[in-house]
Amino acid sequence: MEFNELQATETVLEGYWLDLGSRMEPDAVCARIEWLVKERLKLCAESVSAGTRLYRDPADGRFWEYSHRGAVAAGPPALAVITTADAEARYGRQAVSAG
């Protein structure tokens, strides 16, 4: 499957589970998010207690926070742009300057 790079106009990507009756399957947005975090975005920091990760897009320098939608850590993935100030507050100055 071929995926698109992040566009400057994108700020939030939210995956969903598709109910196929006998099983739940991730949608195309879930697959794109997983591709982005494995192939394109640079991991800067991780918060095990919050279940989130901070990434930076090397193409434009924006920070993206990876999380899971819903109350469970196994929920569908989401990526959202966060400000440098929010990234620093959540992950520390070192994570932001290293990214």
PDB file of N, CA and C in Angstrom:
ATOM      1  N   MET A   1       0.843  -1.182   0.000  1.00  0.00           N
ATOM      2  CA  MET A   1       0.000   0.000   0.000  1.00  0.00           C
ATOM      3  C   MET A   1       0.888   1.245   0.000  1.00  0.00           C
ATOM      4  N   GLU A   2       0.553   2.212  -0.784  1.00  0.00           N
ATOM      5  CA  GLU A   2       1.314   3.450  -0.869  1.00  0.00           C
ATOM      6  C   GLU A   2       0.651   4.523  -0.016  1.00  0.00           C
ATOM      7  N   PHE A   3       1.473   5.251   0.756  1.00  0.00           N
ATOM      8  CA  PHE A   3       0.951   6.283   1.651  1.00  0.00           C
ATOM      9  C   PHE A   3       1.498   7.642   1.272  1.00  0.00           C
ATOM     10  N   ASN A   4       0.781   8.683   1.669  1.00  0.00           N
ATOM     11  CA  ASN A   4       1.186  10.058   1.394  1.00  0.00           C
ATOM     12  C   ASN A   4       1.978  10.633   2.550  1.00  0.00           C
ATOM     13  N   GLU A   5       2.909  11.509   2.204  1.00  0.00           N
ATOM     14  CA  GLU A   5       3.625  12.286   3.209  1.00  0.00           C
ATOM     15  C   GLU A   5       2.631  13.214   3.898  1.00  0.00           C
ATOM     16  N   LEU A   6       3.028  13.725   5.054  1.00  0.00           N
ATOM     17  CA  LEU A   6       2.187  14.699   5.741  1.00  0.00           C
ATOM     18  C   LEU A   6       2.147  15.998   4.949  1.00  0.00           C
ATOM     19  N   GLN A   7       0.979  16.586   4.880  1.00  0.00           N
ATOM     20  CA  GLN A   7       0.798  17.856   4.189  1.00  0.00           C
ATOM     21  C   GLN A   7       0.797  18.993   5.214  1.00  0.00           C
ATOM     22  N   ALA A   8       1.183  20.177   4.801  1.00  0.00           N
ATOM     23  CA  ALA A   8       1.241  21.334   5.694  1.00  0.00           C
ATOM     24  C   ALA A   8      -0.126  21.672   6.291  1.00  0.00           C
ATOM     25  N   THR A   9      -1.187  21.321   5.591  1.00  0.00           N
ATOM     26  CA  THR A   9      -2.540  21.622   6.072  1.00  0.00           C
ATOM     27  C   THR A   9      -3.058  20.599   7.074  1.00  0.00           C
ATOM     28  N   GLU A  10      -2.366  19.463   7.206  1.00  0.00           N
ATOM     29  CA  GLU A  10      -2.815  18.431   8.140  1.00  0.00           C
ATOM     30  C   GLU A  10      -2.330  18.743   9.554  1.00  0.00           C
ATOM     31  N   THR A  11      -3.221  18.593  10.522  1.00  0.00           N
ATOM     32  CA  THR A  11      -2.849  18.812  11.918  1.00  0.00           C
ATOM     33  C   THR A  11      -3.279  17.658  12.818  1.00  0.00           C
ATOM     34  N   VAL A  12      -4.231  16.850  12.369  1.00  0.00           N
ATOM     35  CA  VAL A  12      -4.715  15.716  13.160  1.00  0.00           C
ATOM     36  C   VAL A  12      -5.019  14.559  12.226  1.00  0.00           C
ATOM     37  N   LEU A  13      -4.552  13.382  12.617  1.00  0.00           N
ATOM     38  CA  LEU A  13      -4.912  12.139  11.928  1.00  0.00           C
ATOM     39  C   LEU A  13      -5.476  11.206  12.991  1.00  0.00           C
ATOM     40  N   GLU A  14      -6.689  10.720  12.773  1.00  0.00           N
ATOM     41  CA  GLU A  14      -7.320   9.823  13.737  1.00  0.00           C
ATOM     42  C   GLU A  14      -7.739   8.536  13.051  1.00  0.00           C
ATOM     43  N   GLY A  15      -7.198   7.437  13.536  1.00  0.00           N
ATOM     44  CA  GLY A  15      -7.571   6.140  13.009  1.00  0.00           C
ATOM     45  C   GLY A  15      -8.842   5.629  13.663  1.00  0.00           C
ATOM     46  N   TYR A  16      -9.465   4.684  13.016  1.00  0.00           N
ATOM     47  CA  TYR A  16     -10.689   4.053  13.546  1.00  0.00           C
ATOM     48  C   TYR A  16     -10.604   2.561  13.336  1.00  0.00           C
ATOM     49  N   TRP A  17     -11.285   1.820  14.203  1.00  0.00           N
ATOM     50  CA  TRP A  17     -11.436   0.383  13.997  1.00  0.00           C
ATOM     51  C   TRP A  17     -12.676   0.157  13.155  1.00  0.00           C
ATOM     52  N   LEU A  18     -12.590  -0.736  12.208  1.00  0.00           N
ATOM     53  CA  LEU A  18     -13.731  -1.100  11.374  1.00  0.00           C
ATOM     54  C   LEU A  18     -14.306  -2.417  11.901  1.00  0.00           C
ATOM     55  N   ASP A  19     -15.589  -2.415  12.197  1.00  0.00           N
ATOM     56  CA  ASP A  19     -16.254  -3.618  12.696  1.00  0.00           C
ATOM     57  C   ASP A  19     -16.687  -4.459  11.508  1.00  0.00           C
ATOM     58  N   LEU A  20     -16.020  -5.582  11.314  1.00  0.00           N
ATOM     59  CA  LEU A  20     -16.318  -6.465  10.193  1.00  0.00           C
ATOM     60  C   LEU A  20     -17.190  -7.642  10.626  1.00  0.00           C
ATOM     61  N   GLY A  21     -17.839  -7.506  11.755  1.00  0.00           N
ATOM     62  CA  GLY A  21     -18.715  -8.554  12.247  1.00  0.00           C
ATOM     63  C   GLY A  21     -17.962  -9.566  13.083  1.00  0.00           C
ATOM     64  N   SER A  22     -17.088 -10.334  12.471  1.00  0.00           N
ATOM     65  CA  SER A  22     -16.353 -11.361  13.202  1.00  0.00           C
ATOM     66  C   SER A  22     -15.031 -10.850  13.768  1.00  0.00           C
ATOM     67  N   ARG A  23     -14.618  -9.652  13.339  1.00  0.00           N
ATOM     68  CA  ARG A  23     -13.358  -9.097  13.834  1.00  0.00           C
ATOM     69  C   ARG A  23     -13.337  -7.583  13.620  1.00  0.00           C
ATOM     70  N   MET A  24     -12.425  -6.946  14.346  1.00  0.00           N
ATOM     71  CA  MET A  24     -12.197  -5.512  14.178  1.00  0.00           C
ATOM     72  C   MET A  24     -10.916  -5.360  13.362  1.00  0.00           C
ATOM     73  N   GLU A  25     -10.921  -4.410  12.441  1.00  0.00           N
ATOM     74  CA  GLU A  25      -9.757  -4.194  11.592  1.00  0.00           C
ATOM     75  C   GLU A  25      -9.444  -2.701  11.533  1.00  0.00           C
ATOM     76  N   PRO A  26      -8.148  -2.337  11.576  1.00  0.00           N
ATOM     77  CA  PRO A  26      -7.789  -0.918  11.485  1.00  0.00           C
ATOM     78  C   PRO A  26      -8.094  -0.358  10.102  1.00  0.00           C
ATOM     79  N   ASP A  27      -8.493   0.920  10.063  1.00  0.00           N
ATOM     80  CA  ASP A  27      -8.773   1.554   8.777  1.00  0.00           C
ATOM     81  C   ASP A  27      -7.478   2.042   8.125  1.00  0.00           C
ATOM     82  N   ALA A  28      -7.591   2.672   6.962  1.00  0.00           N
ATOM     83  CA  ALA A  28      -6.427   3.147   6.205  1.00  0.00           C
ATOM     84  C   ALA A  28      -5.668   4.236   6.948  1.00  0.00           C
ATOM     85  N   VAL A  29      -6.355   5.034   7.753  1.00  0.00           N
ATOM     86  CA  VAL A  29      -5.662   6.083   8.515  1.00  0.00           C
ATOM     87  C   VAL A  29      -4.751   5.447   9.563  1.00  0.00           C
ATOM     88  N   CYS A  30      -5.210   4.379  10.210  1.00  0.00           N
ATOM     89  CA  CYS A  30      -4.349   3.647  11.162  1.00  0.00           C
ATOM     90  C   CYS A  30      -3.079   3.182  10.463  1.00  0.00           C
ATOM     91  N   ALA A  31      -3.242   2.607   9.293  1.00  0.00           N
ATOM     92  CA  ALA A  31      -2.087   2.107   8.545  1.00  0.00           C
ATOM     93  C   ALA A  31      -1.153   3.249   8.157  1.00  0.00           C
ATOM     94  N   ARG A  32      -1.696   4.380   7.768  1.00  0.00           N
ATOM     95  CA  ARG A  32      -0.865   5.530   7.397  1.00  0.00           C
ATOM     96  C   ARG A  32      -0.106   6.055   8.610  1.00  0.00           C
ATOM     97  N   ILE A  33      -0.772   6.142   9.754  1.00  0.00           N
ATOM     98  CA  ILE A  33      -0.103   6.599  10.970  1.00  0.00           C
ATOM     99  C   ILE A  33       1.065   5.683  11.305  1.00  0.00           C
ATOM    100  N   GLU A  34       0.844   4.389  11.261  1.00  0.00           N
ATOM    101  CA  GLU A  34       1.909   3.445  11.573  1.00  0.00           C
ATOM    102  C   GLU A  34       3.068   3.575  10.579  1.00  0.00           C
ATOM    103  N   TRP A  35       2.772   3.797   9.310  1.00  0.00           N
ATOM    104  CA  TRP A  35       3.811   3.999   8.302  1.00  0.00           C
ATOM    105  C   TRP A  35       4.597   5.276   8.601  1.00  0.00           C
ATOM    106  N   LEU A  36       3.891   6.352   8.936  1.00  0.00           N
ATOM    107  CA  LEU A  36       4.551   7.622   9.222  1.00  0.00           C
ATOM    108  C   LEU A  36       5.514   7.497  10.398  1.00  0.00           C
ATOM    109  N   VAL A  37       5.078   6.857  11.492  1.00  0.00           N
ATOM    110  CA  VAL A  37       5.955   6.777  12.665  1.00  0.00           C
ATOM    111  C   VAL A  37       7.122   5.810  12.451  1.00  0.00           C
ATOM    112  N   LYS A  38       6.965   4.851  11.570  1.00  0.00           N
ATOM    113  CA  LYS A  38       8.061   3.908  11.302  1.00  0.00           C
ATOM    114  C   LYS A  38       9.014   4.401  10.222  1.00  0.00           C
ATOM    115  N   GLU A  39       8.490   5.120   9.227  1.00  0.00           N
ATOM    116  CA  GLU A  39       9.287   5.447   8.043  1.00  0.00           C
ATOM    117  C   GLU A  39       9.625   6.923   7.848  1.00  0.00           C
ATOM    118  N   ARG A  40       8.867   7.829   8.432  1.00  0.00           N
ATOM    119  CA  ARG A  40       9.057   9.244   8.099  1.00  0.00           C
ATOM    120  C   ARG A  40       9.350  10.145   9.294  1.00  0.00           C
ATOM    121  N   LEU A  41       8.634   9.964  10.385  1.00  0.00           N
ATOM    122  CA  LEU A  41       8.795  10.854  11.530  1.00  0.00           C
ATOM    123  C   LEU A  41       9.955  10.396  12.412  1.00  0.00           C
ATOM    124  N   LYS A  42      10.581  11.352  13.090  1.00  0.00           N
ATOM    125  CA  LYS A  42      11.703  11.059  13.976  1.00  0.00           C
ATOM    126  C   LYS A  42      11.209  11.038  15.423  1.00  0.00           C
ATOM    127  N   LEU A  43      11.438   9.922  16.107  1.00  0.00           N
ATOM    128  CA  LEU A  43      11.047   9.801  17.510  1.00  0.00           C
ATOM    129  C   LEU A  43      11.947  10.677  18.369  1.00  0.00           C
ATOM    130  N   CYS A  44      11.323  11.534  19.186  1.00  0.00           N
ATOM    131  CA  CYS A  44      12.072  12.434  20.064  1.00  0.00           C
ATOM    132  C   CYS A  44      11.993  12.007  21.521  1.00  0.00           C
ATOM    133  N   ALA A  45      10.817  11.515  21.944  1.00  0.00           N
ATOM    134  CA  ALA A  45      10.629  11.152  23.350  1.00  0.00           C
ATOM    135  C   ALA A  45       9.388  10.285  23.486  1.00  0.00           C
ATOM    136  N   GLU A  46       9.311   9.648  24.657  1.00  0.00           N
ATOM    137  CA  GLU A  46       8.186   8.770  24.940  1.00  0.00           C
ATOM    138  C   GLU A  46       7.761   8.985  26.383  1.00  0.00           C
ATOM    139  N   SER A  47       6.470   8.991  26.626  1.00  0.00           N
ATOM    140  CA  SER A  47       5.939   9.053  27.983  1.00  0.00           C
ATOM    141  C   SER A  47       5.217   7.744  28.244  1.00  0.00           C
ATOM    142  N   VAL A  48       5.892   6.850  28.948  1.00  0.00           N
ATOM    143  CA  VAL A  48       5.306   5.543  29.227  1.00  0.00           C
ATOM    144  C   VAL A  48       4.055   5.699  30.076  1.00  0.00           C
ATOM    145  N   SER A  49       4.086   6.589  31.061  1.00  0.00           N
ATOM    146  CA  SER A  49       2.938   6.762  31.955  1.00  0.00           C
ATOM    147  C   SER A  49       1.717   7.300  31.211  1.00  0.00           C
ATOM    148  N   ALA A  50       1.930   8.170  30.235  1.00  0.00           N
ATOM    149  CA  ALA A  50       0.814   8.734  29.469  1.00  0.00           C
ATOM    150  C   ALA A  50       0.474   7.893  28.244  1.00  0.00           C
ATOM    151  N   GLY A  51       1.386   7.012  27.866  1.00  0.00           N
ATOM    152  CA  GLY A  51       1.160   6.191  26.679  1.00  0.00           C
ATOM    153  C   GLY A  51       1.248   6.978  25.385  1.00  0.00           C
ATOM    154  N   THR A  52       2.088   8.014  25.381  1.00  0.00           N
ATOM    155  CA  THR A  52       2.238   8.867  24.198  1.00  0.00           C
ATOM    156  C   THR A  52       3.697   8.901  23.767  1.00  0.00           C
ATOM    157  N   ARG A  53       3.900   9.339  22.529  1.00  0.00           N
ATOM    158  CA  ARG A  53       5.251   9.520  21.992  1.00  0.00           C
ATOM    159  C   ARG A  53       5.291  10.843  21.239  1.00  0.00           C
ATOM    160  N   LEU A  54       6.434  11.484  21.286  1.00  0.00           N
ATOM    161  CA  LEU A  54       6.653  12.743  20.586  1.00  0.00           C
ATOM    162  C   LEU A  54       7.528  12.483  19.371  1.00  0.00           C
ATOM    163  N   TYR A  55       7.060  12.944  18.218  1.00  0.00           N
ATOM    164  CA  TYR A  55       7.811  12.824  16.967  1.00  0.00           C
ATOM    165  C   TYR A  55       7.998  14.209  16.364  1.00  0.00           C
ATOM    166  N   ARG A  56       9.020  14.330  15.535  1.00  0.00           N
ATOM    167  CA  ARG A  56       9.223  15.551  14.751  1.00  0.00           C
ATOM    168  C   ARG A  56       9.240  15.163  13.282  1.00  0.00           C
ATOM    169  N   ASP A  57       8.570  15.974  12.477  1.00  0.00           N
ATOM    170  CA  ASP A  57       8.571  15.764  11.031  1.00  0.00           C
ATOM    171  C   ASP A  57       9.824  16.438  10.475  1.00  0.00           C
ATOM    172  N   PRO A  58      10.769  15.670   9.931  1.00  0.00           N
ATOM    173  CA  PRO A  58      11.993  16.282   9.396  1.00  0.00           C
ATOM    174  C   PRO A  58      11.731  17.219   8.226  1.00  0.00           C
ATOM    175  N   ALA A  59      10.610  17.054   7.559  1.00  0.00           N
ATOM    176  CA  ALA A  59      10.311  17.890   6.393  1.00  0.00           C
ATOM    177  C   ALA A  59       9.982  19.326   6.778  1.00  0.00           C
ATOM    178  N   ASP A  60       9.275  19.525   7.900  1.00  0.00           N
ATOM    179  CA  ASP A  60       8.877  20.896   8.250  1.00  0.00           C
ATOM    180  C   ASP A  60       9.137  21.261   9.709  1.00  0.00           C
ATOM    181  N   GLY A  61       9.653  20.329  10.504  1.00  0.00           N
ATOM    182  CA  GLY A  61      10.005  20.618  11.889  1.00  0.00           C
ATOM    183  C   GLY A  61       8.866  20.577  12.890  1.00  0.00           C
ATOM    184  N   ARG A  62       7.654  20.311  12.425  1.00  0.00           N
ATOM    185  CA  ARG A  62       6.525  20.284  13.363  1.00  0.00           C
ATOM    186  C   ARG A  62       6.623  19.071  14.286  1.00  0.00           C
ATOM    187  N   PHE A  63       6.142  19.268  15.521  1.00  0.00           N
ATOM    188  CA  PHE A  63       6.054  18.182  16.475  1.00  0.00           C
ATOM    189  C   PHE A  63       4.687  17.514  16.360  1.00  0.00           C
ATOM    190  N   TRP A  64       4.705  16.196  16.415  1.00  0.00           N
ATOM    191  CA  TRP A  64       3.494  15.380  16.347  1.00  0.00           C
ATOM    192  C   TRP A  64       3.459  14.486  17.570  1.00  0.00           C
ATOM    193  N   GLU A  65       2.301  14.436  18.228  1.00  0.00           N
ATOM    194  CA  GLU A  65       2.140  13.548  19.369  1.00  0.00           C
ATOM    195  C   GLU A  65       1.307  12.344  18.953  1.00  0.00           C
ATOM    196  N   TYR A  66       1.862  11.168  19.211  1.00  0.00           N
ATOM    197  CA  TYR A  66       1.189   9.901  18.924  1.00  0.00           C
ATOM    198  C   TYR A  66       0.498   9.444  20.195  1.00  0.00           C
ATOM    199  N   SER A  67      -0.748   9.075  20.068  1.00  0.00           N
ATOM    200  CA  SER A  67      -1.501   8.563  21.211  1.00  0.00           C
ATOM    201  C   SER A  67      -2.505   7.539  20.699  1.00  0.00           C
ATOM    202  N   HIS A  68      -3.260   6.994  21.623  1.00  0.00           N
ATOM    203  CA  HIS A  68      -4.330   6.077  21.251  1.00  0.00           C
ATOM    204  C   HIS A  68      -5.648   6.732  21.604  1.00  0.00           C
ATOM    205  N   ARG A  69      -6.597   6.635  20.711  1.00  0.00           N
ATOM    206  CA  ARG A  69      -7.917   7.208  20.938  1.00  0.00           C
ATOM    207  C   ARG A  69      -8.670   6.339  21.924  1.00  0.00           C
ATOM    208  N   GLY A  70      -9.493   6.969  22.728  1.00  0.00           N
ATOM    209  CA  GLY A  70     -10.280   6.225  23.696  1.00  0.00           C
ATOM    210  C   GLY A  70      -9.534   6.032  25.002  1.00  0.00           C
ATOM    211  N   ALA A  71     -10.166   5.309  25.896  1.00  0.00           N
ATOM    212  CA  ALA A  71      -9.625   5.140  27.243  1.00  0.00           C
ATOM    213  C   ALA A  71      -8.577   4.039  27.332  1.00  0.00           C
ATOM    214  N   VAL A  72      -8.491   3.197  26.339  1.00  0.00           N
ATOM    215  CA  VAL A  72      -7.556   2.079  26.415  1.00  0.00           C
ATOM    216  C   VAL A  72      -6.344   2.316  25.523  1.00  0.00           C
ATOM    217  N   ALA A  73      -5.190   1.841  25.977  1.00  0.00           N
ATOM    218  CA  ALA A  73      -3.955   2.018  25.208  1.00  0.00           C
ATOM    219  C   ALA A  73      -3.970   1.208  23.922  1.00  0.00           C
ATOM    220  N   ALA A  74      -4.902   0.298  23.810  1.00  0.00           N
ATOM    221  CA  ALA A  74      -4.990  -0.515  22.596  1.00  0.00           C
ATOM    222  C   ALA A  74      -5.988   0.065  21.595  1.00  0.00           C
ATOM    223  N   GLY A  75      -6.488   1.253  21.859  1.00  0.00           N
ATOM    224  CA  GLY A  75      -7.420   1.891  20.937  1.00  0.00           C
ATOM    225  C   GLY A  75      -6.724   2.307  19.662  1.00  0.00           C
ATOM    226  N   PRO A  76      -7.497   2.767  18.690  1.00  0.00           N
ATOM    227  CA  PRO A  76      -6.897   3.185  17.424  1.00  0.00           C
ATOM    228  C   PRO A  76      -5.913   4.343  17.624  1.00  0.00           C
ATOM    229  N   PRO A  77      -4.881   4.410  16.799  1.00  0.00           N
ATOM    230  CA  PRO A  77      -3.875   5.450  16.955  1.00  0.00           C
ATOM    231  C   PRO A  77      -4.349   6.810  16.443  1.00  0.00           C
ATOM    232  N   ALA A  78      -3.693   7.837  16.981  1.00  0.00           N
ATOM    233  CA  ALA A  78      -3.933   9.203  16.524  1.00  0.00           C
ATOM    234  C   ALA A  78      -2.605   9.941  16.526  1.00  0.00           C
ATOM    235  N   LEU A  79      -2.478  10.880  15.613  1.00  0.00           N
ATOM    236  CA  LEU A  79      -1.330  11.790  15.560  1.00  0.00           C
ATOM    237  C   LEU A  79      -1.884  13.207  15.525  1.00  0.00           C
ATOM    238  N   ALA A  80      -1.323  14.077  16.351  1.00  0.00           N
ATOM    239  CA  ALA A  80      -1.776  15.462  16.364  1.00  0.00           C
ATOM    240  C   ALA A  80      -0.580  16.393  16.511  1.00  0.00           C
ATOM    241  N   VAL A  81      -0.607  17.480  15.776  1.00  0.00           N
ATOM    242  CA  VAL A  81       0.436  18.499  15.889  1.00  0.00           C
ATOM    243  C   VAL A  81       0.315  19.156  17.263  1.00  0.00           C
ATOM    244  N   ILE A  82       1.466  19.343  17.911  1.00  0.00           N
ATOM    245  CA  ILE A  82       1.488  20.119  19.151  1.00  0.00           C
ATOM    246  C   ILE A  82       2.567  21.186  19.030  1.00  0.00           C
ATOM    247  N   THR A  83       2.387  22.251  19.766  1.00  0.00           N
ATOM    248  CA  THR A  83       3.338  23.359  19.717  1.00  0.00           C
ATOM    249  C   THR A  83       4.650  22.953  20.385  1.00  0.00           C
ATOM    250  N   THR A  84       5.686  23.700  20.089  1.00  0.00           N
ATOM    251  CA  THR A  84       6.976  23.467  20.726  1.00  0.00           C
ATOM    252  C   THR A  84       6.858  23.632  22.233  1.00  0.00           C
ATOM    253  N   ALA A  85       6.096  24.630  22.667  1.00  0.00           N
ATOM    254  CA  ALA A  85       5.909  24.857  24.105  1.00  0.00           C
ATOM    255  C   ALA A  85       5.214  23.667  24.764  1.00  0.00           C
ATOM    256  N   ASP A  86       4.180  23.125  24.123  1.00  0.00           N
ATOM    257  CA  ASP A  86       3.493  21.958  24.671  1.00  0.00           C
ATOM    258  C   ASP A  86       4.411  20.739  24.669  1.00  0.00           C
ATOM    259  N   ALA A  87       5.191  20.573  23.614  1.00  0.00           N
ATOM    260  CA  ALA A  87       6.124  19.450  23.540  1.00  0.00           C
ATOM    261  C   ALA A  87       7.140  19.538  24.676  1.00  0.00           C
ATOM    262  N   GLU A  88       7.647  20.723  24.923  1.00  0.00           N
ATOM    263  CA  GLU A  88       8.618  20.920  25.995  1.00  0.00           C
ATOM    264  C   GLU A  88       7.986  20.662  27.366  1.00  0.00           C
ATOM    265  N   ALA A  89       6.763  21.139  27.566  1.00  0.00           N
ATOM    266  CA  ALA A  89       6.082  20.947  28.846  1.00  0.00           C
ATOM    267  C   ALA A  89       5.789  19.471  29.116  1.00  0.00           C
ATOM    268  N   ARG A  90       5.460  18.722  28.083  1.00  0.00           N
ATOM    269  CA  ARG A  90       5.085  17.315  28.257  1.00  0.00           C
ATOM    270  C   ARG A  90       6.283  16.366  28.260  1.00  0.00           C
ATOM    271  N   TYR A  91       7.318  16.691  27.484  1.00  0.00           N
ATOM    272  CA  TYR A  91       8.416  15.750  27.287  1.00  0.00           C
ATOM    273  C   TYR A  91       9.772  16.276  27.738  1.00  0.00           C
ATOM    274  N   GLY A  92       9.854  17.557  28.050  1.00  0.00           N
ATOM    275  CA  GLY A  92      11.102  18.143  28.517  1.00  0.00           C
ATOM    276  C   GLY A  92      11.865  18.865  27.428  1.00  0.00           C
ATOM    277  N   ARG A  93      12.668  19.811  27.861  1.00  0.00           N
ATOM    278  CA  ARG A  93      13.445  20.647  26.938  1.00  0.00           C
ATOM    279  C   ARG A  93      14.421  19.812  26.105  1.00  0.00           C
ATOM    280  N   GLN A  94      15.016  18.800  26.728  1.00  0.00           N
ATOM    281  CA  GLN A  94      16.002  17.980  26.030  1.00  0.00           C
ATOM    282  C   GLN A  94      15.375  17.247  24.831  1.00  0.00           C
ATOM    283  N   ALA A  95      14.141  16.747  24.998  1.00  0.00           N
ATOM    284  CA  ALA A  95      13.459  16.039  23.904  1.00  0.00           C
ATOM    285  C   ALA A  95      13.195  16.972  22.737  1.00  0.00           C
ATOM    286  N   VAL A  96      12.828  18.203  23.029  1.00  0.00           N
ATOM    287  CA  VAL A  96      12.519  19.181  21.988  1.00  0.00           C
ATOM    288  C   VAL A  96      13.783  19.621  21.265  1.00  0.00           C
ATOM    289  N   SER A  97      14.857  19.856  22.002  1.00  0.00           N
ATOM    290  CA  SER A  97      16.083  20.310  21.354  1.00  0.00           C
ATOM    291  C   SER A  97      16.793  19.177  20.626  1.00  0.00           C
ATOM    292  N   ALA A  98      16.556  17.943  21.041  1.00  0.00           N
ATOM    293  CA  ALA A  98      17.161  16.798  20.358  1.00  0.00           C
ATOM    294  C   ALA A  98      16.420  16.457  19.075  1.00  0.00           C
ATOM    295  N   GLY A  99      15.137  16.849  19.019  1.00  0.00           N
ATOM    296  CA  GLY A  99      14.338  16.517  17.847  1.00  0.00           C
ATOM    297  C   GLY A  99      14.683  17.370  16.684  1.00  0.00           C
TER     298      GLY A  99
END
